Amino acid sequence: EAAIVAARRDKTEIGYEEIDYAIDRITVGMVKQTGTSFPQRQRLVAYHEAGHAIMGALTPDYDQVAKVTILPRSNGAGGFTL
């Protein structure tokens, strides 16, 4: 997946951005372009995902939060915390 993305971007090498994009696409789905034009919804999703991140940071022996996004995904997620 990362190689495909790198080729689409006319790159000769696979970089971190392509690997990160590929991992997200495989694990949580493609980014949806719909649903991003509603500021109230984005704000609600942002608070929701921030809550996940805060709880992850405050919970002992919980995996470190590596990424938080409010971009909607094709699997139905409004955002995700990884």
PDB file of N, CA and C in Angstrom:
ATOM      1  N   GLU A   1       0.832  -1.189   0.000  1.00  0.00           N
ATOM      2  CA  GLU A   1       0.000   0.000   0.000  1.00  0.00           C
ATOM      3  C   GLU A   1       0.876   1.252   0.000  1.00  0.00           C
ATOM      4  N   ALA A   2       1.935   1.251   0.788  1.00  0.00           N
ATOM      5  CA  ALA A   2       2.831   2.412   0.838  1.00  0.00           C
ATOM      6  C   ALA A   2       3.521   2.633  -0.512  1.00  0.00           C
ATOM      7  N   ALA A   3       3.878   1.549  -1.178  1.00  0.00           N
ATOM      8  CA  ALA A   3       4.516   1.669  -2.493  1.00  0.00           C
ATOM      9  C   ALA A   3       3.551   2.258  -3.517  1.00  0.00           C
ATOM     10  N   ILE A   4       2.291   1.860  -3.446  1.00  0.00           N
ATOM     11  CA  ILE A   4       1.286   2.398  -4.367  1.00  0.00           C
ATOM     12  C   ILE A   4       1.124   3.901  -4.151  1.00  0.00           C
ATOM     13  N   VAL A   5       1.049   4.302  -2.894  1.00  0.00           N
ATOM     14  CA  VAL A   5       0.891   5.728  -2.570  1.00  0.00           C
ATOM     15  C   VAL A   5       2.112   6.511  -3.048  1.00  0.00           C
ATOM     16  N   ALA A   6       3.308   5.981  -2.821  1.00  0.00           N
ATOM     17  CA  ALA A   6       4.527   6.663  -3.263  1.00  0.00           C
ATOM     18  C   ALA A   6       4.524   6.829  -4.783  1.00  0.00           C
ATOM     19  N   ALA A   7       4.112   5.795  -5.503  1.00  0.00           N
ATOM     20  CA  ALA A   7       4.054   5.879  -6.959  1.00  0.00           C
ATOM     21  C   ALA A   7       3.031   6.917  -7.412  1.00  0.00           C
ATOM     22  N   ARG A   8       1.887   6.969  -6.754  1.00  0.00           N
ATOM     23  CA  ARG A   8       0.871   7.969  -7.105  1.00  0.00           C
ATOM     24  C   ARG A   8       1.369   9.384  -6.862  1.00  0.00           C
ATOM     25  N   ARG A   9       2.266   9.535  -5.917  1.00  0.00           N
ATOM     26  CA  ARG A   9       2.831  10.857  -5.593  1.00  0.00           C
ATOM     27  C   ARG A   9       4.109  11.132  -6.386  1.00  0.00           C
ATOM     28  N   ASP A  10       4.389  10.298  -7.371  1.00  0.00           N
ATOM     29  CA  ASP A  10       5.579  10.435  -8.228  1.00  0.00           C
ATOM     30  C   ASP A  10       6.879  10.451  -7.438  1.00  0.00           C
ATOM     31  N   LYS A  11       6.949   9.639  -6.391  1.00  0.00           N
ATOM     32  CA  LYS A  11       8.167   9.537  -5.590  1.00  0.00           C
ATOM     33  C   LYS A  11       8.935   8.284  -5.997  1.00  0.00           C
ATOM     34  N   THR A  12      10.233   8.347  -5.850  1.00  0.00           N
ATOM     35  CA  THR A  12      11.073   7.188  -6.169  1.00  0.00           C
ATOM     36  C   THR A  12      11.408   6.371  -4.928  1.00  0.00           C
ATOM     37  N   GLU A  13      11.106   6.925  -3.745  1.00  0.00           N
ATOM     38  CA  GLU A  13      11.349   6.219  -2.493  1.00  0.00           C
ATOM     39  C   GLU A  13      10.105   6.289  -1.617  1.00  0.00           C
ATOM     40  N   ILE A  14       9.931   5.261  -0.787  1.00  0.00           N
ATOM     41  CA  ILE A  14       8.822   5.236   0.168  1.00  0.00           C
ATOM     42  C   ILE A  14       9.289   5.921   1.441  1.00  0.00           C
ATOM     43  N   GLY A  15       8.559   6.955   1.846  1.00  0.00           N
ATOM     44  CA  GLY A  15       8.919   7.697   3.049  1.00  0.00           C
ATOM     45  C   GLY A  15       7.961   7.408   4.190  1.00  0.00           C
ATOM     46  N   TYR A  16       8.222   8.072   5.310  1.00  0.00           N
ATOM     47  CA  TYR A  16       7.385   7.889   6.500  1.00  0.00           C
ATOM     48  C   TYR A  16       5.929   8.238   6.217  1.00  0.00           C
ATOM     49  N   GLU A  17       5.692   9.315   5.456  1.00  0.00           N
ATOM     50  CA  GLU A  17       4.324   9.740   5.172  1.00  0.00           C
ATOM     51  C   GLU A  17       3.530   8.651   4.449  1.00  0.00           C
ATOM     52  N   GLU A  18       4.165   7.989   3.509  1.00  0.00           N
ATOM     53  CA  GLU A  18       3.495   6.923   2.763  1.00  0.00           C
ATOM     54  C   GLU A  18       3.225   5.705   3.652  1.00  0.00           C
ATOM     55  N   ILE A  19       4.162   5.374   4.508  1.00  0.00           N
ATOM     56  CA  ILE A  19       3.978   4.241   5.424  1.00  0.00           C
ATOM     57  C   ILE A  19       2.863   4.555   6.421  1.00  0.00           C
ATOM     58  N   ASP A  20       2.870   5.753   6.969  1.00  0.00           N
ATOM     59  CA  ASP A  20       1.835   6.166   7.915  1.00  0.00           C
ATOM     60  C   ASP A  20       0.454   6.139   7.257  1.00  0.00           C
ATOM     61  N   TYR A  21       0.367   6.676   6.056  1.00  0.00           N
ATOM     62  CA  TYR A  21      -0.896   6.677   5.313  1.00  0.00           C
ATOM     63  C   TYR A  21      -1.374   5.240   5.065  1.00  0.00           C
ATOM     64  N   ALA A  22      -0.455   4.363   4.660  1.00  0.00           N
ATOM     65  CA  ALA A  22      -0.807   2.977   4.359  1.00  0.00           C
ATOM     66  C   ALA A  22      -1.304   2.242   5.601  1.00  0.00           C
ATOM     67  N   ILE A  23      -0.643   2.441   6.728  1.00  0.00           N
ATOM     68  CA  ILE A  23      -1.077   1.789   7.973  1.00  0.00           C
ATOM     69  C   ILE A  23      -2.478   2.246   8.349  1.00  0.00           C
ATOM     70  N   ASP A  24      -2.722   3.560   8.268  1.00  0.00           N
ATOM     71  CA  ASP A  24      -4.057   4.086   8.581  1.00  0.00           C
ATOM     72  C   ASP A  24      -5.108   3.522   7.635  1.00  0.00           C
ATOM     73  N   ARG A  25      -4.801   3.506   6.364  1.00  0.00           N
ATOM     74  CA  ARG A  25      -5.772   3.030   5.367  1.00  0.00           C
ATOM     75  C   ARG A  25      -6.120   1.561   5.586  1.00  0.00           C
ATOM     76  N   ILE A  26      -5.137   0.759   5.925  1.00  0.00           N
ATOM     77  CA  ILE A  26      -5.369  -0.674   6.128  1.00  0.00           C
ATOM     78  C   ILE A  26      -6.096  -0.929   7.450  1.00  0.00           C
ATOM     79  N   THR A  27      -5.711  -0.221   8.511  1.00  0.00           N
ATOM     80  CA  THR A  27      -6.289  -0.509   9.830  1.00  0.00           C
ATOM     81  C   THR A  27      -7.632   0.155  10.069  1.00  0.00           C
ATOM     82  N   VAL A  28      -7.839   1.383   9.590  1.00  0.00           N
ATOM     83  CA  VAL A  28      -9.093   2.089   9.894  1.00  0.00           C
ATOM     84  C   VAL A  28      -9.865   2.539   8.667  1.00  0.00           C
ATOM     85  N   GLY A  29      -9.391   2.262   7.481  1.00  0.00           N
ATOM     86  CA  GLY A  29     -10.141   2.594   6.268  1.00  0.00           C
ATOM     87  C   GLY A  29      -9.661   3.869   5.601  1.00  0.00           C
ATOM     88  N   MET A  30     -10.257   4.114   4.443  1.00  0.00           N
ATOM     89  CA  MET A  30      -9.909   5.286   3.647  1.00  0.00           C
ATOM     90  C   MET A  30     -10.524   6.546   4.247  1.00  0.00           C
ATOM     91  N   VAL A  31      -9.873   7.676   4.026  1.00  0.00           N
ATOM     92  CA  VAL A  31     -10.414   8.957   4.467  1.00  0.00           C
ATOM     93  C   VAL A  31     -11.602   9.303   3.572  1.00  0.00           C
ATOM     94  N   LYS A  32     -12.724   9.657   4.205  1.00  0.00           N
ATOM     95  CA  LYS A  32     -13.907  10.085   3.461  1.00  0.00           C
ATOM     96  C   LYS A  32     -13.883  11.602   3.333  1.00  0.00           C
ATOM     97  N   GLN A  33     -14.260  12.087   2.183  1.00  0.00           N
ATOM     98  CA  GLN A  33     -14.298  13.534   1.970  1.00  0.00           C
ATOM     99  C   GLN A  33     -15.604  14.139   2.458  1.00  0.00           C
ATOM    100  N   THR A  34     -16.639  13.318   2.612  1.00  0.00           N
ATOM    101  CA  THR A  34     -17.913  13.834   3.099  1.00  0.00           C
ATOM    102  C   THR A  34     -17.887  13.920   4.618  1.00  0.00           C
ATOM    103  N   GLY A  35     -18.669  14.838   5.157  1.00  0.00           N
ATOM    104  CA  GLY A  35     -18.747  14.975   6.605  1.00  0.00           C
ATOM    105  C   GLY A  35     -17.750  15.944   7.194  1.00  0.00           C
ATOM    106  N   THR A  36     -16.842  16.445   6.368  1.00  0.00           N
ATOM    107  CA  THR A  36     -15.834  17.372   6.893  1.00  0.00           C
ATOM    108  C   THR A  36     -16.279  18.825   6.768  1.00  0.00           C
ATOM    109  N   SER A  37     -17.407  19.073   6.142  1.00  0.00           N
ATOM    110  CA  SER A  37     -17.852  20.451   5.933  1.00  0.00           C
ATOM    111  C   SER A  37     -18.811  20.935   7.021  1.00  0.00           C
ATOM    112  N   PHE A  38     -18.980  20.151   8.079  1.00  0.00           N
ATOM    113  CA  PHE A  38     -19.869  20.522   9.165  1.00  0.00           C
ATOM    114  C   PHE A  38     -19.038  20.826  10.414  1.00  0.00           C
ATOM    115  N   PRO A  39     -18.765  22.103  10.688  1.00  0.00           N
ATOM    116  CA  PRO A  39     -17.895  22.461  11.826  1.00  0.00           C
ATOM    117  C   PRO A  39     -18.398  21.930  13.164  1.00  0.00           C
ATOM    118  N   GLN A  40     -19.708  21.897  13.375  1.00  0.00           N
ATOM    119  CA  GLN A  40     -20.230  21.391  14.651  1.00  0.00           C
ATOM    120  C   GLN A  40     -19.909  19.915  14.819  1.00  0.00           C
ATOM    121  N   ARG A  41     -20.034  19.149  13.740  1.00  0.00           N
ATOM    122  CA  ARG A  41     -19.721  17.718  13.807  1.00  0.00           C
ATOM    123  C   ARG A  41     -18.237  17.511  14.054  1.00  0.00           C
ATOM    124  N   GLN A  42     -17.402  18.276  13.370  1.00  0.00           N
ATOM    125  CA  GLN A  42     -15.949  18.164  13.570  1.00  0.00           C
ATOM    126  C   GLN A  42     -15.574  18.489  15.013  1.00  0.00           C
ATOM    127  N   ARG A  43     -16.226  19.491  15.578  1.00  0.00           N
ATOM    128  CA  ARG A  43     -15.939  19.873  16.962  1.00  0.00           C
ATOM    129  C   ARG A  43     -16.341  18.755  17.922  1.00  0.00           C
ATOM    130  N   LEU A  44     -17.501  18.158  17.689  1.00  0.00           N
ATOM    131  CA  LEU A  44     -17.971  17.054  18.527  1.00  0.00           C
ATOM    132  C   LEU A  44     -17.014  15.869  18.437  1.00  0.00           C
ATOM    133  N   VAL A  45     -16.611  15.509  17.230  1.00  0.00           N
ATOM    134  CA  VAL A  45     -15.676  14.392  17.040  1.00  0.00           C
ATOM    135  C   VAL A  45     -14.332  14.716  17.692  1.00  0.00           C
ATOM    136  N   ALA A  46     -13.896  15.971  17.589  1.00  0.00           N
ATOM    137  CA  ALA A  46     -12.626  16.370  18.202  1.00  0.00           C
ATOM    138  C   ALA A  46     -12.658  16.196  19.718  1.00  0.00           C
ATOM    139  N   TYR A  47     -13.748  16.629  20.350  1.00  0.00           N
ATOM    140  CA  TYR A  47     -13.881  16.434  21.801  1.00  0.00           C
ATOM    141  C   TYR A  47     -13.907  14.944  22.152  1.00  0.00           C
ATOM    142  N   HIS A  48     -14.615  14.175  21.357  1.00  0.00           N
ATOM    143  CA  HIS A  48     -14.735  12.729  21.599  1.00  0.00           C
ATOM    144  C   HIS A  48     -13.354  12.062  21.530  1.00  0.00           C
ATOM    145  N   GLU A  49     -12.614  12.338  20.470  1.00  0.00           N
ATOM    146  CA  GLU A  49     -11.299  11.721  20.296  1.00  0.00           C
ATOM    147  C   GLU A  49     -10.302  12.246  21.331  1.00  0.00           C
ATOM    148  N   ALA A  50     -10.416  13.511  21.696  1.00  0.00           N
ATOM    149  CA  ALA A  50      -9.549  14.055  22.748  1.00  0.00           C
ATOM    150  C   ALA A  50      -9.801  13.329  24.064  1.00  0.00           C
ATOM    151  N   GLY A  51     -11.059  12.980  24.328  1.00  0.00           N
ATOM    152  CA  GLY A  51     -11.387  12.218  25.534  1.00  0.00           C
ATOM    153  C   GLY A  51     -10.708  10.862  25.543  1.00  0.00           C
ATOM    154  N   HIS A  52     -10.702  10.183  24.387  1.00  0.00           N
ATOM    155  CA  HIS A  52      -9.995   8.904  24.287  1.00  0.00           C
ATOM    156  C   HIS A  52      -8.508   9.098  24.582  1.00  0.00           C
ATOM    157  N   ALA A  53      -7.917  10.138  24.001  1.00  0.00           N
ATOM    158  CA  ALA A  53      -6.486  10.380  24.163  1.00  0.00           C
ATOM    159  C   ALA A  53      -6.140  10.698  25.621  1.00  0.00           C
ATOM    160  N   ILE A  54      -6.963  11.516  26.263  1.00  0.00           N
ATOM    161  CA  ILE A  54      -6.709  11.866  27.667  1.00  0.00           C
ATOM    162  C   ILE A  54      -6.826  10.635  28.551  1.00  0.00           C
ATOM    163  N   MET A  55      -7.864   9.838  28.346  1.00  0.00           N
ATOM    164  CA  MET A  55      -8.030   8.626  29.151  1.00  0.00           C
ATOM    165  C   MET A  55      -6.868   7.658  28.920  1.00  0.00           C
ATOM    166  N   GLY A  56      -6.422   7.552  27.678  1.00  0.00           N
ATOM    167  CA  GLY A  56      -5.274   6.695  27.398  1.00  0.00           C
ATOM    168  C   GLY A  56      -4.016   7.175  28.097  1.00  0.00           C
ATOM    169  N   ALA A  57      -3.827   8.492  28.141  1.00  0.00           N
ATOM    170  CA  ALA A  57      -2.638   9.058  28.790  1.00  0.00           C
ATOM    171  C   ALA A  57      -2.697   8.915  30.308  1.00  0.00           C
ATOM    172  N   LEU A  58      -3.906   8.943  30.879  1.00  0.00           N
ATOM    173  CA  LEU A  58      -4.049   8.897  32.338  1.00  0.00           C
ATOM    174  C   LEU A  58      -4.211   7.480  32.898  1.00  0.00           C
ATOM    175  N   THR A  59      -4.449   6.512  32.047  1.00  0.00           N
ATOM    176  CA  THR A  59      -4.656   5.141  32.506  1.00  0.00           C
ATOM    177  C   THR A  59      -3.306   4.442  32.663  1.00  0.00           C
ATOM    178  N   PRO A  60      -2.994   3.951  33.881  1.00  0.00           N
ATOM    179  CA  PRO A  60      -1.718   3.261  34.088  1.00  0.00           C
ATOM    180  C   PRO A  60      -1.616   2.008  33.204  1.00  0.00           C
ATOM    181  N   ASP A  61      -0.420   1.753  32.708  1.00  0.00           N
ATOM    182  CA  ASP A  61      -0.106   0.578  31.887  1.00  0.00           C
ATOM    183  C   ASP A  61      -0.884   0.535  30.577  1.00  0.00           C
ATOM    184  N   TYR A  62      -1.397   1.674  30.119  1.00  0.00           N
ATOM    185  CA  TYR A  62      -2.095   1.758  28.836  1.00  0.00           C
ATOM    186  C   TYR A  62      -1.073   2.105  27.762  1.00  0.00           C
ATOM    187  N   ASP A  63      -1.267   1.617  26.557  1.00  0.00           N
ATOM    188  CA  ASP A  63      -0.341   1.935  25.471  1.00  0.00           C
ATOM    189  C   ASP A  63      -0.301   3.441  25.235  1.00  0.00           C
ATOM    190  N   GLN A  64       0.869   3.945  24.907  1.00  0.00           N
ATOM    191  CA  GLN A  64       1.036   5.369  24.647  1.00  0.00           C
ATOM    192  C   GLN A  64       0.220   5.770  23.421  1.00  0.00           C
ATOM    193  N   VAL A  65      -0.461   6.908  23.509  1.00  0.00           N
ATOM    194  CA  VAL A  65      -1.231   7.423  22.376  1.00  0.00           C
ATOM    195  C   VAL A  65      -0.250   7.924  21.332  1.00  0.00           C
ATOM    196  N   ALA A  66      -0.381   7.418  20.105  1.00  0.00           N
ATOM    197  CA  ALA A  66       0.543   7.785  19.031  1.00  0.00           C
ATOM    198  C   ALA A  66      -0.077   8.745  18.033  1.00  0.00           C
ATOM    199  N   LYS A  67      -1.411   8.708  17.905  1.00  0.00           N
ATOM    200  CA  LYS A  67      -2.051   9.531  16.881  1.00  0.00           C
ATOM    201  C   LYS A  67      -3.505   9.755  17.232  1.00  0.00           C
ATOM    202  N   VAL A  68      -3.979  10.967  16.961  1.00  0.00           N
ATOM    203  CA  VAL A  68      -5.389  11.309  17.123  1.00  0.00           C
ATOM    204  C   VAL A  68      -5.798  12.059  15.865  1.00  0.00           C
ATOM    205  N   THR A  69      -6.924  11.679  15.267  1.00  0.00           N
ATOM    206  CA  THR A  69      -7.407  12.371  14.077  1.00  0.00           C
ATOM    207  C   THR A  69      -8.923  12.499  14.123  1.00  0.00           C
ATOM    208  N   ILE A  70      -9.428  13.531  13.463  1.00  0.00           N
ATOM    209  CA  ILE A  70     -10.878  13.707  13.374  1.00  0.00           C
ATOM    210  C   ILE A  70     -11.353  13.529  11.939  1.00  0.00           C
ATOM    211  N   LEU A  71     -10.498  12.985  11.078  1.00  0.00           N
ATOM    212  CA  LEU A  71     -10.897  12.734   9.700  1.00  0.00           C
ATOM    213  C   LEU A  71     -11.810  11.510   9.645  1.00  0.00           C
ATOM    214  N   PRO A  72     -13.001  11.648   9.040  1.00  0.00           N
ATOM    215  CA  PRO A  72     -13.900  10.489   8.950  1.00  0.00           C
ATOM    216  C   PRO A  72     -13.304   9.402   8.064  1.00  0.00           C
ATOM    217  N   ARG A  73     -13.607   8.153   8.388  1.00  0.00           N
ATOM    218  CA  ARG A  73     -13.070   6.998   7.659  1.00  0.00           C
ATOM    219  C   ARG A  73     -14.178   6.173   7.036  1.00  0.00           C
ATOM    220  N   SER A  74     -13.825   5.380   6.047  1.00  0.00           N
ATOM    221  CA  SER A  74     -14.809   4.583   5.318  1.00  0.00           C
ATOM    222  C   SER A  74     -15.415   3.465   6.159  1.00  0.00           C
ATOM    223  N   ASN A  75     -14.799   3.120   7.274  1.00  0.00           N
ATOM    224  CA  ASN A  75     -15.351   2.068   8.133  1.00  0.00           C
ATOM    225  C   ASN A  75     -16.418   2.603   9.078  1.00  0.00           C
ATOM    226  N   GLY A  76     -16.760   3.880   8.962  1.00  0.00           N
ATOM    227  CA  GLY A  76     -17.789   4.468   9.794  1.00  0.00           C
ATOM    228  C   GLY A  76     -17.268   5.292  10.945  1.00  0.00           C
ATOM    229  N   ALA A  77     -15.964   5.214  11.196  1.00  0.00           N
ATOM    230  CA  ALA A  77     -15.384   5.995  12.292  1.00  0.00           C
ATOM    231  C   ALA A  77     -15.345   7.470  11.924  1.00  0.00           C
ATOM    232  N   GLY A  78     -15.746   8.321  12.868  1.00  0.00           N
ATOM    233  CA  GLY A  78     -15.686   9.757  12.649  1.00  0.00           C
ATOM    234  C   GLY A  78     -14.282  10.287  12.834  1.00  0.00           C
ATOM    235  N   GLY A  79     -13.444   9.520  13.486  1.00  0.00           N
ATOM    236  CA  GLY A  79     -12.054   9.832  13.757  1.00  0.00           C
ATOM    237  C   GLY A  79     -11.484   8.634  14.495  1.00  0.00           C
ATOM    238  N   PHE A  80     -10.255   8.726  14.946  1.00  0.00           N
ATOM    239  CA  PHE A  80      -9.726   7.622  15.740  1.00  0.00           C
ATOM    240  C   PHE A  80      -8.548   8.059  16.583  1.00  0.00           C
ATOM    241  N   THR A  81      -8.317   7.302  17.636  1.00  0.00           N
ATOM    242  CA  THR A  81      -7.168   7.492  18.512  1.00  0.00           C
ATOM    243  C   THR A  81      -6.362   6.213  18.474  1.00  0.00           C
ATOM    244  N   LEU A  82      -5.103   6.336  18.162  1.00  0.00           N
ATOM    245  CA  LEU A  82      -4.251   5.151  18.018  1.00  0.00           C
ATOM    246  C   LEU A  82      -3.098   5.263  18.987  1.00  0.00           C
TER     247      LEU A  82
END
